[in-house]
Amino acid sequence: MRKLLALSGLLFVCGCQSAIKVPTAQELVANPQLLAEWQAKCDTGEYSHLDSAEKASLCSTTQEAGM
């Protein structure tokens, strides 16, 4: 019973996390304020501590738009 309760709690917590919508490079180029916001998130903000694979999936369009 304890394992079932713990598993249910874990599934609840994971289900409550919202998916992150990553803007495309075109959206970032068209909106300099959005680009600056995402560059800050990727360089020193909430995404800067992620492992390289996760960071690449979230920040690759930011790098493309910044070039």
N, C-alpha and C. Protein backbone atom coordinates (compact mmCIF):
# COMPACT_ATOMS: atom_id res chain seq x y z
N MET A 1 0.82 -1.20 0.00
CA MET A 1 0.00 0.00 0.00
C MET A 1 0.86 1.27 0.00
N ARG A 2 1.95 1.22 0.76
CA ARG A 2 2.84 2.39 0.83
C ARG A 2 3.45 2.69 -0.54
N LYS A 3 3.86 1.63 -1.23
CA LYS A 3 4.48 1.81 -2.55
C LYS A 3 3.48 2.41 -3.53
N LEU A 4 2.25 1.96 -3.44
CA LEU A 4 1.21 2.48 -4.32
C LEU A 4 0.96 3.96 -4.03
N LEU A 5 0.93 4.32 -2.77
CA LEU A 5 0.72 5.72 -2.38
C LEU A 5 1.89 6.59 -2.85
N ALA A 6 3.11 6.08 -2.66
CA ALA A 6 4.29 6.84 -3.10
C ALA A 6 4.30 7.00 -4.61
N LEU A 7 3.97 5.95 -5.33
CA LEU A 7 3.93 6.01 -6.79
C LEU A 7 2.85 6.98 -7.27
N SER A 8 1.72 6.97 -6.61
CA SER A 8 0.64 7.90 -6.96
C SER A 8 1.07 9.34 -6.74
N GLY A 9 1.76 9.60 -5.64
CA GLY A 9 2.26 10.94 -5.37
C GLY A 9 3.26 11.40 -6.41
N LEU A 10 4.15 10.50 -6.79
CA LEU A 10 5.15 10.83 -7.81
C LEU A 10 4.49 11.13 -9.15
N LEU A 11 3.52 10.33 -9.54
CA LEU A 11 2.81 10.58 -10.80
C LEU A 11 2.05 11.89 -10.76
N PHE A 12 1.49 12.24 -9.62
CA PHE A 12 0.77 13.50 -9.48
C PHE A 12 1.72 14.68 -9.66
N VAL A 13 2.87 14.62 -9.03
CA VAL A 13 3.85 15.71 -9.12
C VAL A 13 4.35 15.84 -10.55
N CYS A 14 4.67 14.74 -11.19
CA CYS A 14 5.17 14.78 -12.57
C CYS A 14 4.09 15.28 -13.53
N GLY A 15 2.86 14.93 -13.27
CA GLY A 15 1.76 15.35 -14.14
C GLY A 15 1.45 16.82 -14.03
N CYS A 16 1.83 17.44 -12.93
CA CYS A 16 1.52 18.85 -12.72
C CYS A 16 2.53 19.78 -13.38
N GLN A 17 3.66 19.26 -13.80
CA GLN A 17 4.67 20.10 -14.43
C GLN A 17 4.22 20.45 -15.84
N SER A 18 4.30 21.71 -16.16
CA SER A 18 3.86 22.16 -17.49
C SER A 18 5.00 22.03 -18.49
N ALA A 19 4.66 21.76 -19.70
CA ALA A 19 5.66 21.67 -20.77
C ALA A 19 6.14 23.07 -21.13
N ILE A 20 7.39 23.18 -21.44
CA ILE A 20 7.98 24.46 -21.79
C ILE A 20 7.84 24.65 -23.29
N LYS A 21 7.27 25.79 -23.70
CA LYS A 21 7.16 26.10 -25.12
C LYS A 21 8.39 26.89 -25.52
N VAL A 22 9.21 26.26 -26.33
CA VAL A 22 10.44 26.90 -26.79
C VAL A 22 10.13 27.68 -28.06
N PRO A 23 10.42 28.98 -28.07
CA PRO A 23 10.17 29.77 -29.28
C PRO A 23 11.13 29.37 -30.40
N THR A 24 10.65 29.51 -31.61
CA THR A 24 11.50 29.20 -32.77
C THR A 24 12.51 30.33 -32.96
N ALA A 25 13.54 30.07 -33.76
CA ALA A 25 14.54 31.09 -34.06
C ALA A 25 13.89 32.28 -34.76
N GLN A 26 12.91 32.02 -35.63
CA GLN A 26 12.22 33.11 -36.33
C GLN A 26 11.46 33.99 -35.35
N GLU A 27 10.81 33.38 -34.37
CA GLU A 27 10.08 34.16 -33.36
C GLU A 27 11.03 35.01 -32.54
N LEU A 28 12.19 34.45 -32.22
CA LEU A 28 13.17 35.19 -31.42
C LEU A 28 13.78 36.35 -32.20
N VAL A 29 14.04 36.15 -33.48
CA VAL A 29 14.59 37.23 -34.31
C VAL A 29 13.57 38.35 -34.46
N ALA A 30 12.31 37.99 -34.58
CA ALA A 30 11.25 38.99 -34.75
C ALA A 30 10.95 39.75 -33.46
N ASN A 31 11.32 39.19 -32.32
CA ASN A 31 11.00 39.82 -31.04
C ASN A 31 12.27 39.92 -30.19
N PRO A 32 13.01 41.04 -30.28
CA PRO A 32 14.27 41.19 -29.54
C PRO A 32 14.11 41.06 -28.02
N GLN A 33 12.97 41.48 -27.50
CA GLN A 33 12.75 41.37 -26.05
C GLN A 33 12.67 39.90 -25.64
N LEU A 34 11.97 39.09 -26.43
CA LEU A 34 11.87 37.66 -26.16
C LEU A 34 13.24 37.00 -26.28
N LEU A 35 14.01 37.41 -27.28
CA LEU A 35 15.36 36.88 -27.46
C LEU A 35 16.23 37.18 -26.24
N ALA A 36 16.18 38.41 -25.76
CA ALA A 36 16.97 38.79 -24.59
C ALA A 36 16.55 37.99 -23.36
N GLU A 37 15.25 37.78 -23.21
CA GLU A 37 14.72 37.00 -22.08
C GLU A 37 15.24 35.56 -22.13
N TRP A 38 15.18 34.94 -23.31
CA TRP A 38 15.63 33.56 -23.44
C TRP A 38 17.14 33.44 -23.32
N GLN A 39 17.89 34.43 -23.81
CA GLN A 39 19.34 34.40 -23.65
C GLN A 39 19.71 34.46 -22.18
N ALA A 40 19.00 35.28 -21.42
CA ALA A 40 19.27 35.37 -19.98
C ALA A 40 18.95 34.05 -19.29
N LYS A 41 17.84 33.43 -19.67
CA LYS A 41 17.47 32.14 -19.08
C LYS A 41 18.53 31.09 -19.37
N CYS A 42 19.04 31.08 -20.58
CA CYS A 42 20.00 30.06 -20.98
C CYS A 42 21.40 30.33 -20.45
N ASP A 43 21.79 31.58 -20.36
CA ASP A 43 23.15 31.91 -19.95
C ASP A 43 23.34 31.90 -18.43
N THR A 44 22.44 32.53 -17.70
CA THR A 44 22.63 32.66 -16.26
C THR A 44 21.37 32.37 -15.46
N GLY A 45 20.28 32.10 -16.13
CA GLY A 45 19.01 31.94 -15.44
C GLY A 45 18.62 30.50 -15.18
N GLU A 46 17.33 30.24 -15.26
CA GLU A 46 16.77 28.97 -14.83
C GLU A 46 17.20 27.77 -15.67
N TYR A 47 17.71 27.98 -16.89
CA TYR A 47 18.13 26.85 -17.71
C TYR A 47 19.65 26.68 -17.72
N SER A 48 20.38 27.56 -17.09
CA SER A 48 21.84 27.53 -17.14
C SER A 48 22.43 26.34 -16.40
N HIS A 49 21.72 25.78 -15.45
CA HIS A 49 22.24 24.68 -14.65
C HIS A 49 21.92 23.30 -15.21
N LEU A 50 21.16 23.22 -16.29
CA LEU A 50 20.74 21.93 -16.85
C LEU A 50 21.91 21.20 -17.49
N ASP A 51 21.76 19.87 -17.62
CA ASP A 51 22.82 19.13 -18.30
C ASP A 51 22.82 19.52 -19.78
N SER A 52 23.88 19.17 -20.47
CA SER A 52 24.08 19.67 -21.83
C SER A 52 22.98 19.26 -22.81
N ALA A 53 22.44 18.05 -22.67
CA ALA A 53 21.39 17.60 -23.60
C ALA A 53 20.10 18.39 -23.41
N GLU A 54 19.70 18.58 -22.14
CA GLU A 54 18.48 19.35 -21.87
C GLU A 54 18.65 20.80 -22.27
N LYS A 55 19.80 21.36 -21.94
CA LYS A 55 20.07 22.76 -22.27
C LYS A 55 20.07 22.96 -23.78
N ALA A 56 20.62 22.01 -24.51
CA ALA A 56 20.66 22.11 -25.97
C ALA A 56 19.25 22.10 -26.55
N SER A 57 18.37 21.26 -25.99
CA SER A 57 17.01 21.19 -26.52
C SER A 57 16.22 22.45 -26.22
N LEU A 58 16.52 23.11 -25.11
CA LEU A 58 15.79 24.33 -24.76
C LEU A 58 16.43 25.60 -25.33
N CYS A 59 17.72 25.58 -25.54
CA CYS A 59 18.43 26.82 -25.89
C CYS A 59 19.00 26.85 -27.30
N SER A 60 18.81 25.82 -28.08
CA SER A 60 19.41 25.80 -29.42
C SER A 60 18.86 26.90 -30.31
N THR A 61 17.56 27.17 -30.24
CA THR A 61 16.99 28.23 -31.09
C THR A 61 17.49 29.61 -30.65
N THR A 62 17.75 29.77 -29.37
CA THR A 62 18.29 31.03 -28.88
C THR A 62 19.67 31.28 -29.46
N GLN A 63 20.47 30.22 -29.52
CA GLN A 63 21.81 30.36 -30.11
C GLN A 63 21.73 30.66 -31.59
N GLU A 64 20.80 30.01 -32.30
CA GLU A 64 20.63 30.27 -33.73
C GLU A 64 20.22 31.72 -33.98
N ALA A 65 19.28 32.22 -33.19
CA ALA A 65 18.76 33.57 -33.38
C ALA A 65 19.78 34.63 -32.99
N GLY A 66 20.66 34.31 -32.06
CA GLY A 66 21.65 35.27 -31.60
C GLY A 66 22.80 35.47 -32.56
N MET A 67 22.93 34.62 -33.55
CA MET A 67 24.05 34.72 -34.50
C MET A 67 23.82 35.77 -35.53
